Amino acid sequence: MRKCVLVSLALLFGCSTLFAQDDSGGGYFDAGNMAFEIAGSPFEGNGSSNGKLLSFGSFRARYAVTTTIVPRLGMNMSLDNHQVSPDVVVNNSMYEVAPGCEYHFRIEGGFRSYAALDGLFGQRFASLESTTQPSVNGAVYVPSSSLSEVDELRRGYMMYGAQIGFGADYHFSSNFYVGAEIGFRLVQYQYDDIELDGELFQAGVQQNTAAINTMNSIRIGFKFL
Protein backbone atom coordinates (compact mmCIF):
# COMPACT_ATOMS: atom_id res chain seq x y z
CA MET A 1 0.00 0.00 0.00
CA ARG A 2 2.83 2.38 0.91
CA LYS A 3 4.53 1.72 -2.43
CA CYS A 4 1.26 2.37 -4.28
CA VAL A 5 0.81 5.73 -2.53
CA LEU A 6 4.37 6.79 -3.31
CA VAL A 7 3.92 5.89 -6.99
CA SER A 8 0.66 7.88 -7.14
CA LEU A 9 2.18 10.94 -5.50
CA ALA A 10 5.17 10.79 -7.82
CA LEU A 11 2.86 10.68 -10.86
CA LEU A 12 0.73 13.55 -9.59
CA PHE A 13 3.52 15.94 -8.70
CA GLY A 14 5.67 14.81 -11.61
CA CYS A 15 2.93 15.77 -14.05
CA SER A 16 2.46 19.06 -12.24
CA THR A 17 6.13 19.96 -12.49
CA LEU A 18 6.52 18.84 -16.11
CA PHE A 19 3.41 20.37 -17.65
CA ALA A 20 3.47 23.61 -15.69
CA GLN A 21 6.66 24.53 -17.56
CA ASP A 22 4.64 24.93 -20.78
CA ASP A 23 2.31 27.83 -20.12
CA SER A 24 1.40 28.57 -23.73
CA GLY A 25 0.91 25.16 -25.36
CA GLY A 26 -1.68 22.47 -24.96
CA GLY A 27 -5.41 22.34 -25.42
CA TYR A 28 -8.24 23.71 -23.34
CA PHE A 29 -11.25 22.62 -21.27
CA ASP A 30 -13.71 25.51 -21.14
CA ALA A 31 -17.36 26.06 -20.21
CA GLY A 32 -19.62 23.76 -22.21
CA ASN A 33 -16.96 21.10 -22.84
CA MET A 34 -17.60 17.45 -21.93
CA ALA A 35 -15.01 14.71 -21.49
CA PHE A 36 -14.98 11.00 -20.80
CA GLU A 37 -12.09 9.19 -19.19
CA ILE A 38 -10.93 5.82 -17.97
CA ALA A 39 -8.99 5.68 -14.74
CA GLY A 40 -6.95 3.09 -12.92
CA SER A 41 -4.56 2.30 -10.12
CA PRO A 42 -0.90 1.23 -10.17
CA PHE A 43 -2.08 -1.84 -8.29
CA GLU A 44 -5.31 -3.79 -8.60
CA GLY A 45 -7.99 -3.47 -5.94
CA ASN A 46 -7.56 0.23 -5.07
CA GLY A 47 -4.23 -0.30 -3.42
CA SER A 48 -3.88 -4.05 -2.93
CA SER A 49 -1.42 -5.97 -5.04
CA ASN A 50 -2.84 -9.05 -6.71
CA GLY A 51 -0.13 -9.56 -9.26
CA LYS A 52 -1.07 -6.81 -11.72
CA LEU A 53 1.08 -3.76 -12.21
CA LEU A 54 -1.73 -1.63 -13.61
CA SER A 55 -5.50 -2.06 -13.44
CA PHE A 56 -8.02 0.17 -15.27
CA GLY A 57 -11.63 -0.21 -14.19
CA SER A 58 -13.17 3.15 -13.38
CA PHE A 59 -15.00 5.40 -15.86
CA ARG A 60 -15.88 9.07 -15.45
CA ALA A 61 -17.77 11.80 -17.29
CA ARG A 62 -16.90 15.47 -16.74
CA TYR A 63 -18.77 18.59 -17.84
CA ALA A 64 -17.37 22.11 -17.48
CA VAL A 65 -20.09 24.46 -16.25
CA THR A 66 -17.51 27.24 -16.06
CA THR A 67 -13.76 27.29 -16.58
CA THR A 68 -13.21 26.40 -12.92
CA ILE A 69 -16.37 24.46 -11.90
CA VAL A 70 -16.56 20.93 -13.35
CA PRO A 71 -19.25 18.49 -12.15
CA ARG A 72 -18.39 14.84 -12.72
CA LEU A 73 -19.85 11.35 -12.42
CA GLY A 74 -17.66 8.30 -11.90
CA MET A 75 -18.56 4.62 -12.10
CA ASN A 76 -16.72 1.43 -11.24
CA MET A 77 -18.35 -1.89 -12.12
CA SER A 78 -17.47 -5.57 -12.07
CA LEU A 79 -19.76 -8.30 -13.44
CA ASP A 80 -18.71 -11.76 -12.28
CA ASN A 81 -21.24 -14.58 -12.62
CA HIS A 82 -19.54 -17.84 -13.53
CA GLN A 83 -19.84 -21.58 -13.19
CA VAL A 84 -17.13 -23.00 -10.95
CA SER A 85 -18.08 -26.64 -11.56
CA PRO A 86 -21.04 -28.45 -13.16
CA ASP A 87 -23.03 -28.05 -9.94
CA VAL A 88 -21.77 -24.69 -8.56
CA VAL A 89 -22.49 -21.16 -9.84
CA VAL A 90 -20.91 -18.14 -8.14
CA ASN A 91 -22.07 -14.53 -8.44
CA ASN A 92 -19.69 -11.84 -7.17
CA SER A 93 -20.69 -8.61 -8.96
CA MET A 94 -20.43 -5.03 -7.79
CA TYR A 95 -20.95 -1.42 -8.84
CA GLU A 96 -20.00 1.94 -7.41
CA VAL A 97 -21.11 5.41 -8.49
CA ALA A 98 -19.49 8.67 -7.45
CA PRO A 99 -21.21 11.97 -8.33
CA GLY A 100 -19.08 14.97 -7.51
CA CYS A 101 -17.58 18.28 -8.53
CA GLU A 102 -14.10 19.66 -9.23
CA TYR A 103 -12.78 23.14 -8.56
CA HIS A 104 -9.90 24.04 -10.90
CA PHE A 105 -7.61 26.46 -9.11
CA ARG A 106 -4.63 26.55 -11.46
CA ILE A 107 -4.87 26.86 -15.26
CA GLU A 108 -1.76 27.45 -17.33
CA GLY A 109 -1.95 26.55 -21.00
CA GLY A 110 -2.99 22.92 -21.21
CA PHE A 111 -2.14 22.27 -17.56
CA ARG A 112 -4.90 22.27 -14.93
CA SER A 113 -4.89 21.30 -11.26
CA TYR A 114 -7.98 20.85 -9.12
CA ALA A 115 -9.56 19.73 -5.87
CA ALA A 116 -12.66 17.52 -5.93
CA LEU A 117 -15.39 16.23 -3.64
CA ASP A 118 -17.46 13.12 -4.47
CA GLY A 119 -20.32 11.25 -2.88
CA LEU A 120 -20.08 7.45 -2.94
CA PHE A 121 -22.74 4.79 -3.28
CA GLY A 122 -22.24 1.14 -4.16
CA GLN A 123 -23.38 -2.45 -3.77
CA ARG A 124 -21.89 -5.93 -4.04
CA PHE A 125 -24.00 -9.00 -4.86
CA ALA A 126 -22.52 -12.25 -3.55
CA SER A 127 -23.99 -15.74 -3.71
CA LEU A 128 -23.16 -19.39 -4.38
CA GLU A 129 -25.75 -21.72 -5.85
CA SER A 130 -25.17 -25.47 -5.71
CA THR A 131 -27.08 -28.72 -6.10
CA THR A 132 -24.60 -30.82 -4.11
CA GLN A 133 -23.62 -28.51 -1.22
CA PRO A 134 -25.29 -25.75 0.79
CA SER A 135 -26.25 -22.72 -1.28
CA VAL A 136 -25.06 -19.41 0.12
CA ASN A 137 -26.64 -15.97 -0.09
CA GLY A 138 -24.63 -12.95 1.05
CA ALA A 139 -21.20 -14.48 0.39
CA VAL A 140 -19.47 -16.58 -2.24
CA TYR A 141 -18.41 -19.45 0.05
CA VAL A 142 -19.49 -21.17 3.25
CA PRO A 143 -17.75 -19.61 6.29
CA SER A 144 -16.03 -22.05 8.63
CA SER A 145 -18.22 -20.88 11.54
CA SER A 146 -20.88 -18.33 12.37
CA LEU A 147 -18.18 -16.12 13.95
CA SER A 148 -15.65 -16.21 11.14
CA GLU A 149 -15.14 -13.08 9.09
CA VAL A 150 -15.74 -12.97 5.34
CA ASP A 151 -13.42 -10.97 3.10
CA GLU A 152 -15.13 -7.73 1.92
CA LEU A 153 -14.39 -8.71 -1.69
CA ARG A 154 -16.42 -11.90 -1.26
CA ARG A 155 -19.37 -10.72 0.84
CA GLY A 156 -22.42 -8.74 -0.22
CA TYR A 157 -22.84 -5.20 1.04
CA MET A 158 -24.26 -1.74 0.57
CA MET A 159 -21.84 1.15 0.93
CA TYR A 160 -22.15 4.90 1.41
CA GLY A 161 -19.50 7.53 1.81
CA ALA A 162 -17.56 10.48 0.46
CA GLN A 163 -14.12 11.20 -0.87
CA ILE A 164 -11.90 14.19 -1.51
CA GLY A 165 -9.25 14.24 -4.20
CA PHE A 166 -6.48 16.37 -5.63
CA GLY A 167 -5.46 15.99 -9.23
CA ALA A 168 -3.81 17.45 -12.29
CA ASP A 169 -4.49 17.20 -16.05
CA TYR A 170 -2.62 18.11 -19.18
CA HIS A 171 -4.88 18.72 -22.19
CA PHE A 172 -3.30 18.27 -25.61
CA SER A 173 -4.56 20.20 -28.65
CA SER A 174 -5.90 16.94 -30.09
CA ASN A 175 -8.65 16.85 -27.40
CA PHE A 176 -6.76 14.10 -25.60
CA TYR A 177 -5.55 14.51 -22.01
CA VAL A 178 -3.74 12.60 -19.30
CA GLY A 179 -3.90 13.15 -15.59
CA ALA A 180 -3.30 11.86 -12.11
CA GLU A 181 -5.35 12.01 -8.92
CA ILE A 182 -5.04 10.84 -5.34
CA GLY A 183 -7.38 11.36 -2.41
CA PHE A 184 -8.96 10.14 0.77
CA ARG A 185 -12.25 8.32 1.27
CA LEU A 186 -14.53 7.65 4.25
CA VAL A 187 -17.00 4.79 3.69
CA GLN A 188 -19.62 2.92 5.69
CA TYR A 189 -20.20 -0.71 4.67
CA GLN A 190 -23.43 -2.48 5.63
CA TYR A 191 -22.64 -6.15 5.07
CA ASP A 192 -25.45 -8.54 4.15
CA ASP A 193 -26.72 -11.40 6.26
CA ILE A 194 -25.18 -14.72 5.26
CA GLU A 195 -27.78 -17.43 4.68
CA LEU A 196 -27.25 -21.14 4.05
CA ASP A 197 -30.12 -22.76 2.14
CA GLY A 198 -32.36 -19.89 3.23
CA GLU A 199 -31.48 -20.12 6.93
CA LEU A 200 -29.62 -17.31 8.73
CA PHE A 201 -26.02 -18.33 9.40
CA GLN A 202 -24.37 -15.01 10.22
CA ALA A 203 -26.03 -11.64 10.80
CA GLY A 204 -24.88 -8.66 8.78
CA VAL A 205 -22.52 -6.16 10.35
CA GLN A 206 -21.71 -2.50 9.85
CA GLN A 207 -18.18 -1.21 9.37
CA ASN A 208 -16.69 2.24 8.84
CA THR A 209 -13.42 2.57 6.95
CA ALA A 210 -11.11 5.45 6.08
CA ALA A 211 -8.38 5.01 3.50
CA ILE A 212 -6.28 6.68 0.86
CA ASN A 213 -8.03 6.38 -2.49
CA THR A 214 -5.77 5.36 -5.38
CA MET A 215 -8.40 4.02 -7.80
CA ASN A 216 -8.13 7.10 -10.06
CA SER A 217 -4.37 7.56 -9.79
CA ILE A 218 -3.82 7.40 -13.56
CA ARG A 219 -6.40 8.93 -15.92
CA ILE A 220 -6.69 8.96 -19.71
CA GLY A 221 -9.44 11.07 -21.24
CA PHE A 222 -10.98 12.47 -24.41
CA LYS A 223 -12.95 15.68 -24.92
CA PHE A 224 -16.11 15.23 -27.02
CA LEU A 225 -17.84 18.61 -26.78
C-alpha atoms as a PDB file:
ATOM      1  CA  MET A   1       0.000   0.000   0.000  1.00  0.00           C
ATOM      2  CA  ARG A   2       2.827   2.379   0.906  1.00  0.00           C
ATOM      3  CA  LYS A   3       4.528   1.718  -2.428  1.00  0.00           C
ATOM      4  CA  CYS A   4       1.257   2.372  -4.283  1.00  0.00           C
ATOM      5  CA  VAL A   5       0.807   5.731  -2.526  1.00  0.00           C
ATOM      6  CA  LEU A   6       4.371   6.791  -3.312  1.00  0.00           C
ATOM      7  CA  VAL A   7       3.917   5.887  -6.991  1.00  0.00           C
ATOM      8  CA  SER A   8       0.660   7.877  -7.141  1.00  0.00           C
ATOM      9  CA  LEU A   9       2.184  10.937  -5.500  1.00  0.00           C
ATOM     10  CA  ALA A  10       5.167  10.792  -7.820  1.00  0.00           C
ATOM     11  CA  LEU A  11       2.860  10.683 -10.855  1.00  0.00           C
ATOM     12  CA  LEU A  12       0.726  13.552  -9.590  1.00  0.00           C
ATOM     13  CA  PHE A  13       3.518  15.940  -8.702  1.00  0.00           C
ATOM     14  CA  GLY A  14       5.674  14.809 -11.605  1.00  0.00           C
ATOM     15  CA  CYS A  15       2.928  15.767 -14.052  1.00  0.00           C
ATOM     16  CA  SER A  16       2.455  19.058 -12.239  1.00  0.00           C
ATOM     17  CA  THR A  17       6.128  19.959 -12.494  1.00  0.00           C
ATOM     18  CA  LEU A  18       6.516  18.839 -16.110  1.00  0.00           C
ATOM     19  CA  PHE A  19       3.409  20.372 -17.651  1.00  0.00           C
ATOM     20  CA  ALA A  20       3.469  23.615 -15.691  1.00  0.00           C
ATOM     21  CA  GLN A  21       6.657  24.526 -17.558  1.00  0.00           C
ATOM     22  CA  ASP A  22       4.641  24.929 -20.781  1.00  0.00           C
ATOM     23  CA  ASP A  23       2.306  27.829 -20.121  1.00  0.00           C
ATOM     24  CA  SER A  24       1.403  28.569 -23.733  1.00  0.00           C
ATOM     25  CA  GLY A  25       0.914  25.159 -25.356  1.00  0.00           C
ATOM     26  CA  GLY A  26      -1.684  22.465 -24.964  1.00  0.00           C
ATOM     27  CA  GLY A  27      -5.406  22.339 -25.416  1.00  0.00           C
ATOM     28  CA  TYR A  28      -8.235  23.709 -23.337  1.00  0.00           C
ATOM     29  CA  PHE A  29     -11.245  22.624 -21.272  1.00  0.00           C
ATOM     30  CA  ASP A  30     -13.705  25.510 -21.143  1.00  0.00           C
ATOM     31  CA  ALA A  31     -17.356  26.058 -20.206  1.00  0.00           C
ATOM     32  CA  GLY A  32     -19.624  23.759 -22.208  1.00  0.00           C
ATOM     33  CA  ASN A  33     -16.963  21.096 -22.842  1.00  0.00           C
ATOM     34  CA  MET A  34     -17.604  17.447 -21.929  1.00  0.00           C
ATOM     35  CA  ALA A  35     -15.005  14.714 -21.495  1.00  0.00           C
ATOM     36  CA  PHE A  36     -14.977  11.001 -20.804  1.00  0.00           C
ATOM     37  CA  GLU A  37     -12.089   9.188 -19.189  1.00  0.00           C
ATOM     38  CA  ILE A  38     -10.928   5.817 -17.968  1.00  0.00           C
ATOM     39  CA  ALA A  39      -8.989   5.685 -14.740  1.00  0.00           C
ATOM     40  CA  GLY A  40      -6.950   3.091 -12.925  1.00  0.00           C
ATOM     41  CA  SER A  41      -4.559   2.303 -10.120  1.00  0.00           C
ATOM     42  CA  PRO A  42      -0.903   1.227 -10.173  1.00  0.00           C
ATOM     43  CA  PHE A  43      -2.076  -1.838  -8.292  1.00  0.00           C
ATOM     44  CA  GLU A  44      -5.314  -3.793  -8.602  1.00  0.00           C
ATOM     45  CA  GLY A  45      -7.985  -3.466  -5.940  1.00  0.00           C
ATOM     46  CA  ASN A  46      -7.560   0.226  -5.072  1.00  0.00           C
ATOM     47  CA  GLY A  47      -4.234  -0.303  -3.417  1.00  0.00           C
ATOM     48  CA  SER A  48      -3.878  -4.052  -2.927  1.00  0.00           C
ATOM     49  CA  SER A  49      -1.423  -5.969  -5.039  1.00  0.00           C
ATOM     50  CA  ASN A  50      -2.837  -9.046  -6.708  1.00  0.00           C
ATOM     51  CA  GLY A  51      -0.129  -9.563  -9.262  1.00  0.00           C
ATOM     52  CA  LYS A  52      -1.073  -6.811 -11.716  1.00  0.00           C
ATOM     53  CA  LEU A  53       1.081  -3.758 -12.206  1.00  0.00           C
ATOM     54  CA  LEU A  54      -1.729  -1.626 -13.607  1.00  0.00           C
ATOM     55  CA  SER A  55      -5.497  -2.057 -13.439  1.00  0.00           C
ATOM     56  CA  PHE A  56      -8.021   0.174 -15.267  1.00  0.00           C
ATOM     57  CA  GLY A  57     -11.631  -0.209 -14.194  1.00  0.00           C
ATOM     58  CA  SER A  58     -13.168   3.151 -13.376  1.00  0.00           C
ATOM     59  CA  PHE A  59     -15.002   5.400 -15.857  1.00  0.00           C
ATOM     60  CA  ARG A  60     -15.883   9.071 -15.446  1.00  0.00           C
ATOM     61  CA  ALA A  61     -17.771  11.800 -17.295  1.00  0.00           C
ATOM     62  CA  ARG A  62     -16.896  15.474 -16.742  1.00  0.00           C
ATOM     63  CA  TYR A  63     -18.774  18.588 -17.841  1.00  0.00           C
ATOM     64  CA  ALA A  64     -17.369  22.107 -17.481  1.00  0.00           C
ATOM     65  CA  VAL A  65     -20.090  24.462 -16.251  1.00  0.00           C
ATOM     66  CA  THR A  66     -17.507  27.242 -16.065  1.00  0.00           C
ATOM     67  CA  THR A  67     -13.760  27.289 -16.581  1.00  0.00           C
ATOM     68  CA  THR A  68     -13.212  26.400 -12.919  1.00  0.00           C
ATOM     69  CA  ILE A  69     -16.370  24.459 -11.896  1.00  0.00           C
ATOM     70  CA  VAL A  70     -16.557  20.933 -13.352  1.00  0.00           C
ATOM     71  CA  PRO A  71     -19.251  18.495 -12.153  1.00  0.00           C
ATOM     72  CA  ARG A  72     -18.389  14.841 -12.720  1.00  0.00           C
ATOM     73  CA  LEU A  73     -19.845  11.352 -12.424  1.00  0.00           C
ATOM     74  CA  GLY A  74     -17.659   8.304 -11.896  1.00  0.00           C
ATOM     75  CA  MET A  75     -18.558   4.617 -12.102  1.00  0.00           C
ATOM     76  CA  ASN A  76     -16.721   1.433 -11.235  1.00  0.00           C
ATOM     77  CA  MET A  77     -18.354  -1.886 -12.120  1.00  0.00           C
ATOM     78  CA  SER A  78     -17.469  -5.571 -12.074  1.00  0.00           C
ATOM     79  CA  LEU A  79     -19.762  -8.303 -13.440  1.00  0.00           C
ATOM     80  CA  ASP A  80     -18.712 -11.756 -12.285  1.00  0.00           C
ATOM     81  CA  ASN A  81     -21.239 -14.577 -12.620  1.00  0.00           C
ATOM     82  CA  HIS A  82     -19.538 -17.841 -13.531  1.00  0.00           C
ATOM     83  CA  GLN A  83     -19.839 -21.582 -13.194  1.00  0.00           C
ATOM     84  CA  VAL A  84     -17.125 -22.996 -10.954  1.00  0.00           C
ATOM     85  CA  SER A  85     -18.082 -26.635 -11.564  1.00  0.00           C
ATOM     86  CA  PRO A  86     -21.036 -28.448 -13.158  1.00  0.00           C
ATOM     87  CA  ASP A  87     -23.032 -28.055  -9.944  1.00  0.00           C
ATOM     88  CA  VAL A  88     -21.769 -24.692  -8.559  1.00  0.00           C
ATOM     89  CA  VAL A  89     -22.485 -21.157  -9.844  1.00  0.00           C
ATOM     90  CA  VAL A  90     -20.906 -18.144  -8.141  1.00  0.00           C
ATOM     91  CA  ASN A  91     -22.069 -14.525  -8.437  1.00  0.00           C
ATOM     92  CA  ASN A  92     -19.693 -11.844  -7.171  1.00  0.00           C
ATOM     93  CA  SER A  93     -20.686  -8.612  -8.955  1.00  0.00           C
ATOM     94  CA  MET A  94     -20.429  -5.027  -7.790  1.00  0.00           C
ATOM     95  CA  TYR A  95     -20.951  -1.420  -8.840  1.00  0.00           C
ATOM     96  CA  GLU A  96     -19.998   1.940  -7.406  1.00  0.00           C
ATOM     97  CA  VAL A  97     -21.114   5.414  -8.491  1.00  0.00           C
ATOM     98  CA  ALA A  98     -19.487   8.666  -7.449  1.00  0.00           C
ATOM     99  CA  PRO A  99     -21.213  11.966  -8.328  1.00  0.00           C
ATOM    100  CA  GLY A 100     -19.079  14.971  -7.507  1.00  0.00           C
ATOM    101  CA  CYS A 101     -17.578  18.280  -8.535  1.00  0.00           C
ATOM    102  CA  GLU A 102     -14.102  19.656  -9.229  1.00  0.00           C
ATOM    103  CA  TYR A 103     -12.779  23.143  -8.557  1.00  0.00           C
ATOM    104  CA  HIS A 104      -9.898  24.039 -10.897  1.00  0.00           C
ATOM    105  CA  PHE A 105      -7.613  26.457  -9.111  1.00  0.00           C
ATOM    106  CA  ARG A 106      -4.630  26.549 -11.461  1.00  0.00           C
ATOM    107  CA  ILE A 107      -4.873  26.860 -15.259  1.00  0.00           C
ATOM    108  CA  GLU A 108      -1.755  27.451 -17.329  1.00  0.00           C
ATOM    109  CA  GLY A 109      -1.955  26.552 -21.003  1.00  0.00           C
ATOM    110  CA  GLY A 110      -2.990  22.917 -21.208  1.00  0.00           C
ATOM    111  CA  PHE A 111      -2.144  22.269 -17.562  1.00  0.00           C
ATOM    112  CA  ARG A 112      -4.904  22.271 -14.926  1.00  0.00           C
ATOM    113  CA  SER A 113      -4.886  21.299 -11.261  1.00  0.00           C
ATOM    114  CA  TYR A 114      -7.977  20.852  -9.118  1.00  0.00           C
ATOM    115  CA  ALA A 115      -9.557  19.734  -5.871  1.00  0.00           C
ATOM    116  CA  ALA A 116     -12.659  17.517  -5.932  1.00  0.00           C
ATOM    117  CA  LEU A 117     -15.385  16.225  -3.637  1.00  0.00           C
ATOM    118  CA  ASP A 118     -17.465  13.123  -4.474  1.00  0.00           C
ATOM    119  CA  GLY A 119     -20.324  11.252  -2.876  1.00  0.00           C
ATOM    120  CA  LEU A 120     -20.079   7.446  -2.936  1.00  0.00           C
ATOM    121  CA  PHE A 121     -22.736   4.788  -3.278  1.00  0.00           C
ATOM    122  CA  GLY A 122     -22.239   1.136  -4.164  1.00  0.00           C
ATOM    123  CA  GLN A 123     -23.375  -2.449  -3.768  1.00  0.00           C
ATOM    124  CA  ARG A 124     -21.889  -5.931  -4.043  1.00  0.00           C
ATOM    125  CA  PHE A 125     -23.999  -9.003  -4.860  1.00  0.00           C
ATOM    126  CA  ALA A 126     -22.521 -12.251  -3.550  1.00  0.00           C
ATOM    127  CA  SER A 127     -23.989 -15.741  -3.712  1.00  0.00           C
ATOM    128  CA  LEU A 128     -23.164 -19.388  -4.384  1.00  0.00           C
ATOM    129  CA  GLU A 129     -25.751 -21.722  -5.854  1.00  0.00           C
ATOM    130  CA  SER A 130     -25.169 -25.474  -5.713  1.00  0.00           C
ATOM    131  CA  THR A 131     -27.077 -28.718  -6.102  1.00  0.00           C
ATOM    132  CA  THR A 132     -24.603 -30.824  -4.112  1.00  0.00           C
ATOM    133  CA  GLN A 133     -23.616 -28.515  -1.217  1.00  0.00           C
ATOM    134  CA  PRO A 134     -25.291 -25.750   0.792  1.00  0.00           C
ATOM    135  CA  SER A 135     -26.247 -22.715  -1.278  1.00  0.00           C
ATOM    136  CA  VAL A 136     -25.063 -19.406   0.124  1.00  0.00           C
ATOM    137  CA  ASN A 137     -26.637 -15.967  -0.087  1.00  0.00           C
ATOM    138  CA  GLY A 138     -24.631 -12.949   1.049  1.00  0.00           C
ATOM    139  CA  ALA A 139     -21.201 -14.480   0.392  1.00  0.00           C
ATOM    140  CA  VAL A 140     -19.472 -16.584  -2.238  1.00  0.00           C
ATOM    141  CA  TYR A 141     -18.415 -19.451   0.048  1.00  0.00           C
ATOM    142  CA  VAL A 142     -19.492 -21.169   3.251  1.00  0.00           C
ATOM    143  CA  PRO A 143     -17.751 -19.612   6.293  1.00  0.00           C
ATOM    144  CA  SER A 144     -16.035 -22.047   8.632  1.00  0.00           C
ATOM    145  CA  SER A 145     -18.215 -20.885  11.541  1.00  0.00           C
ATOM    146  CA  SER A 146     -20.876 -18.327  12.374  1.00  0.00           C
ATOM    147  CA  LEU A 147     -18.182 -16.116  13.948  1.00  0.00           C
ATOM    148  CA  SER A 148     -15.654 -16.215  11.135  1.00  0.00           C
ATOM    149  CA  GLU A 149     -15.135 -13.083   9.087  1.00  0.00           C
ATOM    150  CA  VAL A 150     -15.741 -12.971   5.342  1.00  0.00           C
ATOM    151  CA  ASP A 151     -13.419 -10.970   3.096  1.00  0.00           C
ATOM    152  CA  GLU A 152     -15.128  -7.735   1.925  1.00  0.00           C
ATOM    153  CA  LEU A 153     -14.385  -8.707  -1.688  1.00  0.00           C
ATOM    154  CA  ARG A 154     -16.416 -11.901  -1.264  1.00  0.00           C
ATOM    155  CA  ARG A 155     -19.368 -10.718   0.840  1.00  0.00           C
ATOM    156  CA  GLY A 156     -22.415  -8.740  -0.223  1.00  0.00           C
ATOM    157  CA  TYR A 157     -22.838  -5.204   1.042  1.00  0.00           C
ATOM    158  CA  MET A 158     -24.260  -1.736   0.574  1.00  0.00           C
ATOM    159  CA  MET A 159     -21.837   1.145   0.929  1.00  0.00           C
ATOM    160  CA  TYR A 160     -22.147   4.900   1.408  1.00  0.00           C
ATOM    161  CA  GLY A 161     -19.498   7.534   1.810  1.00  0.00           C
ATOM    162  CA  ALA A 162     -17.565  10.485   0.457  1.00  0.00           C
ATOM    163  CA  GLN A 163     -14.115  11.200  -0.870  1.00  0.00           C
ATOM    164  CA  ILE A 164     -11.898  14.194  -1.508  1.00  0.00           C
ATOM    165  CA  GLY A 165      -9.253  14.238  -4.198  1.00  0.00           C
ATOM    166  CA  PHE A 166      -6.479  16.372  -5.629  1.00  0.00           C
ATOM    167  CA  GLY A 167      -5.458  15.987  -9.231  1.00  0.00           C
ATOM    168  CA  ALA A 168      -3.812  17.455 -12.292  1.00  0.00           C
ATOM    169  CA  ASP A 169      -4.490  17.197 -16.051  1.00  0.00           C
ATOM    170  CA  TYR A 170      -2.621  18.110 -19.176  1.00  0.00           C
ATOM    171  CA  HIS A 171      -4.883  18.722 -22.193  1.00  0.00           C
ATOM    172  CA  PHE A 172      -3.296  18.272 -25.609  1.00  0.00           C
ATOM    173  CA  SER A 173      -4.558  20.201 -28.649  1.00  0.00           C
ATOM    174  CA  SER A 174      -5.904  16.937 -30.088  1.00  0.00           C
ATOM    175  CA  ASN A 175      -8.647  16.848 -27.400  1.00  0.00           C
ATOM    176  CA  PHE A 176      -6.759  14.095 -25.601  1.00  0.00           C
ATOM    177  CA  TYR A 177      -5.554  14.506 -22.013  1.00  0.00           C
ATOM    178  CA  VAL A 178      -3.743  12.599 -19.303  1.00  0.00           C
ATOM    179  CA  GLY A 179      -3.896  13.152 -15.589  1.00  0.00           C
ATOM    180  CA  ALA A 180      -3.302  11.864 -12.107  1.00  0.00           C
ATOM    181  CA  GLU A 181      -5.351  12.012  -8.917  1.00  0.00           C
ATOM    182  CA  ILE A 182      -5.035  10.837  -5.344  1.00  0.00           C
ATOM    183  CA  GLY A 183      -7.378  11.358  -2.413  1.00  0.00           C
ATOM    184  CA  PHE A 184      -8.960  10.138   0.773  1.00  0.00           C
ATOM    185  CA  ARG A 185     -12.251   8.322   1.270  1.00  0.00           C
ATOM    186  CA  LEU A 186     -14.530   7.652   4.249  1.00  0.00           C
ATOM    187  CA  VAL A 187     -17.001   4.794   3.693  1.00  0.00           C
ATOM    188  CA  GLN A 188     -19.621   2.916   5.690  1.00  0.00           C
ATOM    189  CA  TYR A 189     -20.198  -0.711   4.675  1.00  0.00           C
ATOM    190  CA  GLN A 190     -23.430  -2.483   5.626  1.00  0.00           C
ATOM    191  CA  TYR A 191     -22.641  -6.151   5.069  1.00  0.00           C
ATOM    192  CA  ASP A 192     -25.452  -8.539   4.153  1.00  0.00           C
ATOM    193  CA  ASP A 193     -26.717 -11.400   6.265  1.00  0.00           C
ATOM    194  CA  ILE A 194     -25.185 -14.720   5.255  1.00  0.00           C
ATOM    195  CA  GLU A 195     -27.784 -17.427   4.683  1.00  0.00           C
ATOM    196  CA  LEU A 196     -27.247 -21.143   4.047  1.00  0.00           C
ATOM    197  CA  ASP A 197     -30.117 -22.763   2.143  1.00  0.00           C
ATOM    198  CA  GLY A 198     -32.362 -19.886   3.231  1.00  0.00           C
ATOM    199  CA  GLU A 199     -31.481 -20.120   6.934  1.00  0.00           C
ATOM    200  CA  LEU A 200     -29.623 -17.306   8.734  1.00  0.00           C
ATOM    201  CA  PHE A 201     -26.021 -18.329   9.401  1.00  0.00           C
ATOM    202  CA  GLN A 202     -24.365 -15.010  10.215  1.00  0.00           C
ATOM    203  CA  ALA A 203     -26.031 -11.638  10.798  1.00  0.00           C
ATOM    204  CA  GLY A 204     -24.885  -8.664   8.785  1.00  0.00           C
ATOM    205  CA  VAL A 205     -22.521  -6.159  10.350  1.00  0.00           C
ATOM    206  CA  GLN A 206     -21.707  -2.495   9.848  1.00  0.00           C
ATOM    207  CA  GLN A 207     -18.184  -1.213   9.373  1.00  0.00           C
ATOM    208  CA  ASN A 208     -16.694   2.241   8.843  1.00  0.00           C
ATOM    209  CA  THR A 209     -13.417   2.566   6.950  1.00  0.00           C
ATOM    210  CA  ALA A 210     -11.115   5.450   6.084  1.00  0.00           C
ATOM    211  CA  ALA A 211      -8.380   5.006   3.499  1.00  0.00           C
ATOM    212  CA  ILE A 212      -6.277   6.678   0.857  1.00  0.00           C
ATOM    213  CA  ASN A 213      -8.025   6.378  -2.493  1.00  0.00           C
ATOM    214  CA  THR A 214      -5.767   5.361  -5.380  1.00  0.00           C
ATOM    215  CA  MET A 215      -8.395   4.018  -7.804  1.00  0.00           C
ATOM    216  CA  ASN A 216      -8.135   7.100 -10.056  1.00  0.00           C
ATOM    217  CA  SER A 217      -4.370   7.564  -9.788  1.00  0.00           C
ATOM    218  CA  ILE A 218      -3.818   7.405 -13.557  1.00  0.00           C
ATOM    219  CA  ARG A 219      -6.396   8.931 -15.916  1.00  0.00           C
ATOM    220  CA  ILE A 220      -6.687   8.965 -19.709  1.00  0.00           C
ATOM    221  CA  GLY A 221      -9.444  11.069 -21.240  1.00  0.00           C
ATOM    222  CA  PHE A 222     -10.976  12.467 -24.411  1.00  0.00           C
ATOM    223  CA  LYS A 223     -12.952  15.685 -24.920  1.00  0.00           C
ATOM    224  CA  PHE A 224     -16.105  15.231 -27.015  1.00  0.00           C
ATOM    225  CA  LEU A 225     -17.842  18.611 -26.777  1.00  0.00           C
END
